[in-house]
Amino acid sequence: MSNWSINDDCHFGGFARRNLVLDQFIEKFRAQHGIDLEWVYVAKMMYGIFDLIEKEKFASGRTAIAVITG
């Protein structure tokens, strides 16, 4: 059993591409958390994490950690 996976569902069309859904997520995240997300990599990763949480892909009560390296 593996404790990790790769999810490529949230690429928004590929490298350096974005759309209204991603832009709205970035604005909502900024309003709620006071953090500006870089959209090429970080916003897409955070969108994916929030999407997985919404789809209940993480067990209730578990902790998810997002590592932003740059």
PDB file of N, CA and C in Angstrom:
ATOM      1  N   MET A   1       0.847  -1.188   0.000  1.00  0.00           N
ATOM      2  CA  MET A   1       0.000   0.000   0.000  1.00  0.00           C
ATOM      3  C   MET A   1       0.881   1.236   0.000  1.00  0.00           C
ATOM      4  N   SER A   2       0.582   2.170  -0.859  1.00  0.00           N
ATOM      5  CA  SER A   2       1.350   3.403  -0.968  1.00  0.00           C
ATOM      6  C   SER A   2       0.707   4.502  -0.125  1.00  0.00           C
ATOM      7  N   ASN A   3       1.531   5.372   0.433  1.00  0.00           N
ATOM      8  CA  ASN A   3       0.988   6.481   1.217  1.00  0.00           C
ATOM      9  C   ASN A   3       1.082   7.799   0.459  1.00  0.00           C
ATOM     10  N   TRP A   4       1.271   7.732  -0.864  1.00  0.00           N
ATOM     11  CA  TRP A   4       1.307   8.945  -1.671  1.00  0.00           C
ATOM     12  C   TRP A   4       0.788   8.632  -3.073  1.00  0.00           C
ATOM     13  N   SER A   5       0.449   9.685  -3.788  1.00  0.00           N
ATOM     14  CA  SER A   5       0.002   9.526  -5.168  1.00  0.00           C
ATOM     15  C   SER A   5       0.223  10.834  -5.917  1.00  0.00           C
ATOM     16  N   ILE A   6       0.167  10.764  -7.215  1.00  0.00           N
ATOM     17  CA  ILE A   6       0.257  11.950  -8.059  1.00  0.00           C
ATOM     18  C   ILE A   6      -1.110  12.177  -8.681  1.00  0.00           C
ATOM     19  N   ASN A   7      -1.594  13.401  -8.564  1.00  0.00           N
ATOM     20  CA  ASN A   7      -2.891  13.768  -9.123  1.00  0.00           C
ATOM     21  C   ASN A   7      -2.646  14.889 -10.131  1.00  0.00           C
ATOM     22  N   ASP A   8      -2.997  14.657 -11.376  1.00  0.00           N
ATOM     23  CA  ASP A   8      -2.782  15.682 -12.396  1.00  0.00           C
ATOM     24  C   ASP A   8      -4.092  16.250 -12.941  1.00  0.00           C
ATOM     25  N   ASP A   9      -5.119  16.247 -12.105  1.00  0.00           N
ATOM     26  CA  ASP A   9      -6.433  16.731 -12.522  1.00  0.00           C
ATOM     27  C   ASP A   9      -6.547  18.255 -12.564  1.00  0.00           C
ATOM     28  N   CYS A  10      -5.635  18.976 -11.949  1.00  0.00           N
ATOM     29  CA  CYS A  10      -5.793  20.428 -11.784  1.00  0.00           C
ATOM     30  C   CYS A  10      -4.706  21.210 -12.510  1.00  0.00           C
ATOM     31  N   HIS A  11      -4.437  20.849 -13.752  1.00  0.00           N
ATOM     32  CA  HIS A  11      -3.388  21.533 -14.502  1.00  0.00           C
ATOM     33  C   HIS A  11      -3.904  22.762 -15.249  1.00  0.00           C
ATOM     34  N   PHE A  12      -5.218  22.905 -15.333  1.00  0.00           N
ATOM     35  CA  PHE A  12      -5.858  24.058 -15.966  1.00  0.00           C
ATOM     36  C   PHE A  12      -5.349  24.305 -17.379  1.00  0.00           C
ATOM     37  N   GLY A  13      -5.118  23.239 -18.109  1.00  0.00           N
ATOM     38  CA  GLY A  13      -4.710  23.351 -19.501  1.00  0.00           C
ATOM     39  C   GLY A  13      -3.224  23.203 -19.734  1.00  0.00           C
ATOM     40  N   GLY A  14      -2.443  23.113 -18.677  1.00  0.00           N
ATOM     41  CA  GLY A  14      -1.000  22.923 -18.835  1.00  0.00           C
ATOM     42  C   GLY A  14      -0.181  24.025 -18.197  1.00  0.00           C
ATOM     43  N   PHE A  15       1.114  23.961 -18.431  1.00  0.00           N
ATOM     44  CA  PHE A  15       2.053  24.916 -17.846  1.00  0.00           C
ATOM     45  C   PHE A  15       1.715  26.346 -18.283  1.00  0.00           C
ATOM     46  N   ALA A  16       1.690  27.241 -17.316  1.00  0.00           N
ATOM     47  CA  ALA A  16       1.462  28.674 -17.534  1.00  0.00           C
ATOM     48  C   ALA A  16       0.120  28.968 -18.208  1.00  0.00           C
ATOM     49  N   ARG A  17      -0.854  28.096 -17.967  1.00  0.00           N
ATOM     50  CA  ARG A  17      -2.206  28.342 -18.459  1.00  0.00           C
ATOM     51  C   ARG A  17      -3.131  28.488 -17.264  1.00  0.00           C
ATOM     52  N   ARG A  18      -4.135  29.295 -17.444  1.00  0.00           N
ATOM     53  CA  ARG A  18      -5.093  29.542 -16.361  1.00  0.00           C
ATOM     54  C   ARG A  18      -6.452  29.818 -16.970  1.00  0.00           C
ATOM     55  N   ASN A  19      -7.457  29.814 -16.098  1.00  0.00           N
ATOM     56  CA  ASN A  19      -8.801  30.134 -16.560  1.00  0.00           C
ATOM     57  C   ASN A  19      -9.553  30.844 -15.444  1.00  0.00           C
ATOM     58  N   LEU A  20     -10.810  31.146 -15.692  1.00  0.00           N
ATOM     59  CA  LEU A  20     -11.615  31.896 -14.735  1.00  0.00           C
ATOM     60  C   LEU A  20     -11.761  31.153 -13.410  1.00  0.00           C
ATOM     61  N   VAL A  21     -11.903  29.847 -13.449  1.00  0.00           N
ATOM     62  CA  VAL A  21     -12.055  29.051 -12.216  1.00  0.00           C
ATOM     63  C   VAL A  21     -10.823  29.226 -11.326  1.00  0.00           C
ATOM     64  N   LEU A  22      -9.637  29.125 -11.901  1.00  0.00           N
ATOM     65  CA  LEU A  22      -8.412  29.297 -11.118  1.00  0.00           C
ATOM     66  C   LEU A  22      -8.303  30.726 -10.608  1.00  0.00           C
ATOM     67  N   ASP A  23      -8.581  31.705 -11.452  1.00  0.00           N
ATOM     68  CA  ASP A  23      -8.507  33.105 -11.019  1.00  0.00           C
ATOM     69  C   ASP A  23      -9.480  33.388  -9.875  1.00  0.00           C
ATOM     70  N   GLN A  24     -10.665  32.822  -9.932  1.00  0.00           N
ATOM     71  CA  GLN A  24     -11.635  33.001  -8.848  1.00  0.00           C
ATOM     72  C   GLN A  24     -11.158  32.337  -7.571  1.00  0.00           C
ATOM     73  N   PHE A  25     -10.530  31.166  -7.685  1.00  0.00           N
ATOM     74  CA  PHE A  25      -9.971  30.495  -6.511  1.00  0.00           C
ATOM     75  C   PHE A  25      -8.890  31.357  -5.879  1.00  0.00           C
ATOM     76  N   ILE A  26      -8.004  31.926  -6.689  1.00  0.00           N
ATOM     77  CA  ILE A  26      -6.926  32.778  -6.177  1.00  0.00           C
ATOM     78  C   ILE A  26      -7.499  33.971  -5.423  1.00  0.00           C
ATOM     79  N   GLU A  27      -8.510  34.612  -5.991  1.00  0.00           N
ATOM     80  CA  GLU A  27      -9.133  35.775  -5.340  1.00  0.00           C
ATOM     81  C   GLU A  27      -9.811  35.380  -4.033  1.00  0.00           C
ATOM     82  N   LYS A  28     -10.529  34.262  -4.040  1.00  0.00           N
ATOM     83  CA  LYS A  28     -11.209  33.795  -2.822  1.00  0.00           C
ATOM     84  C   LYS A  28     -10.184  33.442  -1.748  1.00  0.00           C
ATOM     85  N   PHE A  29      -9.090  32.787  -2.136  1.00  0.00           N
ATOM     86  CA  PHE A  29      -8.037  32.416  -1.189  1.00  0.00           C
ATOM     87  C   PHE A  29      -7.420  33.666  -0.578  1.00  0.00           C
ATOM     88  N   ARG A  30      -7.140  34.671  -1.417  1.00  0.00           N
ATOM     89  CA  ARG A  30      -6.577  35.935  -0.927  1.00  0.00           C
ATOM     90  C   ARG A  30      -7.526  36.602   0.070  1.00  0.00           C
ATOM     91  N   ALA A  31      -8.803  36.633  -0.262  1.00  0.00           N
ATOM     92  CA  ALA A  31      -9.795  37.269   0.615  1.00  0.00           C
ATOM     93  C   ALA A  31      -9.918  36.541   1.954  1.00  0.00           C
ATOM     94  N   GLN A  32      -9.872  35.211   1.927  1.00  0.00           N
ATOM     95  CA  GLN A  32     -10.061  34.418   3.142  1.00  0.00           C
ATOM     96  C   GLN A  32      -8.805  34.319   4.001  1.00  0.00           C
ATOM     97  N   HIS A  33      -7.634  34.279   3.365  1.00  0.00           N
ATOM     98  CA  HIS A  33      -6.402  33.981   4.099  1.00  0.00           C
ATOM     99  C   HIS A  33      -5.357  35.094   4.058  1.00  0.00           C
ATOM    100  N   GLY A  34      -5.578  36.110   3.226  1.00  0.00           N
ATOM    101  CA  GLY A  34      -4.625  37.208   3.121  1.00  0.00           C
ATOM    102  C   GLY A  34      -3.315  36.805   2.463  1.00  0.00           C
ATOM    103  N   ILE A  35      -3.349  35.768   1.640  1.00  0.00           N
ATOM    104  CA  ILE A  35      -2.147  35.261   0.981  1.00  0.00           C
ATOM    105  C   ILE A  35      -2.356  35.300  -0.531  1.00  0.00           C
ATOM    106  N   ASP A  36      -1.402  35.902  -1.243  1.00  0.00           N
ATOM    107  CA  ASP A  36      -1.427  35.897  -2.705  1.00  0.00           C
ATOM    108  C   ASP A  36      -0.755  34.628  -3.205  1.00  0.00           C
ATOM    109  N   LEU A  37      -1.483  33.828  -3.949  1.00  0.00           N
ATOM    110  CA  LEU A  37      -0.927  32.591  -4.489  1.00  0.00           C
ATOM    111  C   LEU A  37      -0.327  32.831  -5.862  1.00  0.00           C
ATOM    112  N   GLU A  38       0.873  32.363  -6.080  1.00  0.00           N
ATOM    113  CA  GLU A  38       1.512  32.377  -7.389  1.00  0.00           C
ATOM    114  C   GLU A  38       0.731  31.382  -8.242  1.00  0.00           C
ATOM    115  N   TRP A  39       0.319  31.777  -9.445  1.00  0.00           N
ATOM    116  CA  TRP A  39      -0.661  30.987 -10.182  1.00  0.00           C
ATOM    117  C   TRP A  39      -0.088  29.884 -11.045  1.00  0.00           C
ATOM    118  N   VAL A  40       1.180  29.933 -11.435  1.00  0.00           N
ATOM    119  CA  VAL A  40       1.716  28.915 -12.339  1.00  0.00           C
ATOM    120  C   VAL A  40       1.804  27.554 -11.651  1.00  0.00           C
ATOM    121  N   TYR A  41       2.222  27.541 -10.401  1.00  0.00           N
ATOM    122  CA  TYR A  41       2.376  26.275  -9.672  1.00  0.00           C
ATOM    123  C   TYR A  41       1.540  26.225  -8.384  1.00  0.00           C
ATOM    124  N   VAL A  42       1.722  27.217  -7.524  1.00  0.00           N
ATOM    125  CA  VAL A  42       1.188  27.155  -6.158  1.00  0.00           C
ATOM    126  C   VAL A  42      -0.337  27.174  -6.125  1.00  0.00           C
ATOM    127  N   ALA A  43      -0.957  28.073  -6.862  1.00  0.00           N
ATOM    128  CA  ALA A  43      -2.424  28.145  -6.848  1.00  0.00           C
ATOM    129  C   ALA A  43      -3.039  26.856  -7.376  1.00  0.00           C
ATOM    130  N   LYS A  44      -2.416  26.270  -8.385  1.00  0.00           N
ATOM    131  CA  LYS A  44      -2.926  25.017  -8.932  1.00  0.00           C
ATOM    132  C   LYS A  44      -2.813  23.889  -7.904  1.00  0.00           C
ATOM    133  N   MET A  45      -1.710  23.854  -7.178  1.00  0.00           N
ATOM    134  CA  MET A  45      -1.541  22.834  -6.141  1.00  0.00           C
ATOM    135  C   MET A  45      -2.585  23.026  -5.034  1.00  0.00           C
ATOM    136  N   MET A  46      -2.745  24.284  -4.579  1.00  0.00           N
ATOM    137  CA  MET A  46      -3.699  24.545  -3.506  1.00  0.00           C
ATOM    138  C   MET A  46      -5.131  24.263  -3.966  1.00  0.00           C
ATOM    139  N   TYR A  47      -5.451  24.617  -5.198  1.00  0.00           N
ATOM    140  CA  TYR A  47      -6.773  24.294  -5.740  1.00  0.00           C
ATOM    141  C   TYR A  47      -6.986  22.783  -5.691  1.00  0.00           C
ATOM    142  N   GLY A  48      -5.983  22.029  -6.113  1.00  0.00           N
ATOM    143  CA  GLY A  48      -6.086  20.575  -6.106  1.00  0.00           C
ATOM    144  C   GLY A  48      -6.305  20.009  -4.719  1.00  0.00           C
ATOM    145  N   ILE A  49      -5.586  20.541  -3.741  1.00  0.00           N
ATOM    146  CA  ILE A  49      -5.750  20.076  -2.357  1.00  0.00           C
ATOM    147  C   ILE A  49      -7.157  20.373  -1.865  1.00  0.00           C
ATOM    148  N   PHE A  50      -7.627  21.597  -2.088  1.00  0.00           N
ATOM    149  CA  PHE A  50      -8.974  21.956  -1.651  1.00  0.00           C
ATOM    150  C   PHE A  50     -10.024  21.122  -2.382  1.00  0.00           C
ATOM    151  N   ASP A  51      -9.786  20.833  -3.661  1.00  0.00           N
ATOM    152  CA  ASP A  51     -10.697  19.990  -4.433  1.00  0.00           C
ATOM    153  C   ASP A  51     -10.761  18.578  -3.852  1.00  0.00           C
ATOM    154  N   LEU A  52      -9.618  18.020  -3.504  1.00  0.00           N
ATOM    155  CA  LEU A  52      -9.593  16.678  -2.910  1.00  0.00           C
ATOM    156  C   LEU A  52     -10.291  16.660  -1.545  1.00  0.00           C
ATOM    157  N   ILE A  53     -10.107  17.718  -0.774  1.00  0.00           N
ATOM    158  CA  ILE A  53     -10.796  17.809   0.523  1.00  0.00           C
ATOM    159  C   ILE A  53     -12.306  17.849   0.301  1.00  0.00           C
ATOM    160  N   GLU A  54     -12.738  18.683  -0.644  1.00  0.00           N
ATOM    161  CA  GLU A  54     -14.167  18.793  -0.942  1.00  0.00           C
ATOM    162  C   GLU A  54     -14.754  17.468  -1.418  1.00  0.00           C
ATOM    163  N   LYS A  55     -13.968  16.703  -2.150  1.00  0.00           N
ATOM    164  CA  LYS A  55     -14.418  15.402  -2.647  1.00  0.00           C
ATOM    165  C   LYS A  55     -14.221  14.296  -1.613  1.00  0.00           C
ATOM    166  N   GLU A  56     -13.823  14.671  -0.402  1.00  0.00           N
ATOM    167  CA  GLU A  56     -13.635  13.752   0.727  1.00  0.00           C
ATOM    168  C   GLU A  56     -12.633  12.646   0.417  1.00  0.00           C
ATOM    169  N   LYS A  57     -11.540  13.003  -0.269  1.00  0.00           N
ATOM    170  CA  LYS A  57     -10.482  12.041  -0.583  1.00  0.00           C
ATOM    171  C   LYS A  57      -9.518  11.847   0.587  1.00  0.00           C
ATOM    172  N   PHE A  58      -9.594  12.731   1.576  1.00  0.00           N
ATOM    173  CA  PHE A  58      -8.812  12.593   2.800  1.00  0.00           C
ATOM    174  C   PHE A  58      -9.734  12.100   3.905  1.00  0.00           C
ATOM    175  N   ALA A  59      -9.259  11.194   4.711  1.00  0.00           N
ATOM    176  CA  ALA A  59     -10.060  10.694   5.827  1.00  0.00           C
ATOM    177  C   ALA A  59     -10.354  11.826   6.809  1.00  0.00           C
ATOM    178  N   SER A  60     -11.542  11.819   7.350  1.00  0.00           N
ATOM    179  CA  SER A  60     -11.948  12.831   8.327  1.00  0.00           C
ATOM    180  C   SER A  60     -10.967  12.876   9.489  1.00  0.00           C
ATOM    181  N   GLY A  61     -10.599  14.082   9.890  1.00  0.00           N
ATOM    182  CA  GLY A  61      -9.700  14.247  11.020  1.00  0.00           C
ATOM    183  C   GLY A  61      -8.230  14.182  10.670  1.00  0.00           C
ATOM    184  N   ARG A  62      -7.905  13.896   9.413  1.00  0.00           N
ATOM    185  CA  ARG A  62      -6.509  13.804   8.983  1.00  0.00           C
ATOM    186  C   ARG A  62      -5.959  15.199   8.690  1.00  0.00           C
ATOM    187  N   THR A  63      -4.655  15.318   8.671  1.00  0.00           N
ATOM    188  CA  THR A  63      -3.991  16.587   8.382  1.00  0.00           C
ATOM    189  C   THR A  63      -3.312  16.509   7.023  1.00  0.00           C
ATOM    190  N   ALA A  64      -3.528  17.532   6.205  1.00  0.00           N
ATOM    191  CA  ALA A  64      -2.849  17.625   4.914  1.00  0.00           C
ATOM    192  C   ALA A  64      -1.828  18.761   5.020  1.00  0.00           C
ATOM    193  N   ILE A  65      -0.645  18.531   4.477  1.00  0.00           N
ATOM    194  CA  ILE A  65       0.415  19.527   4.497  1.00  0.00           C
ATOM    195  C   ILE A  65       0.781  19.862   3.062  1.00  0.00           C
ATOM    196  N   ALA A  66       0.784  21.154   2.740  1.00  0.00           N
ATOM    197  CA  ALA A  66       1.221  21.622   1.423  1.00  0.00           C
ATOM    198  C   ALA A  66       2.601  22.247   1.574  1.00  0.00           C
ATOM    199  N   VAL A  67       3.547  21.766   0.801  1.00  0.00           N
ATOM    200  CA  VAL A  67       4.910  22.289   0.855  1.00  0.00           C
ATOM    201  C   VAL A  67       5.147  23.171  -0.357  1.00  0.00           C
ATOM    202  N   ILE A  68       5.420  24.435  -0.098  1.00  0.00           N
ATOM    203  CA  ILE A  68       5.729  25.391  -1.149  1.00  0.00           C
ATOM    204  C   ILE A  68       7.214  25.699  -1.059  1.00  0.00           C
ATOM    205  N   THR A  69       7.968  25.333  -2.077  1.00  0.00           N
ATOM    206  CA  THR A  69       9.427  25.390  -1.981  1.00  0.00           C
ATOM    207  C   THR A  69      10.048  26.661  -2.554  1.00  0.00           C
ATOM    208  N   GLY A  70       9.290  27.455  -3.232  1.00  0.00           N
ATOM    209  CA  GLY A  70       9.969  28.591  -3.842  1.00  0.00           C
ATOM    210  C   GLY A  70       9.126  29.751  -3.984  1.00  0.00           C
TER     211      GLY A  70
END
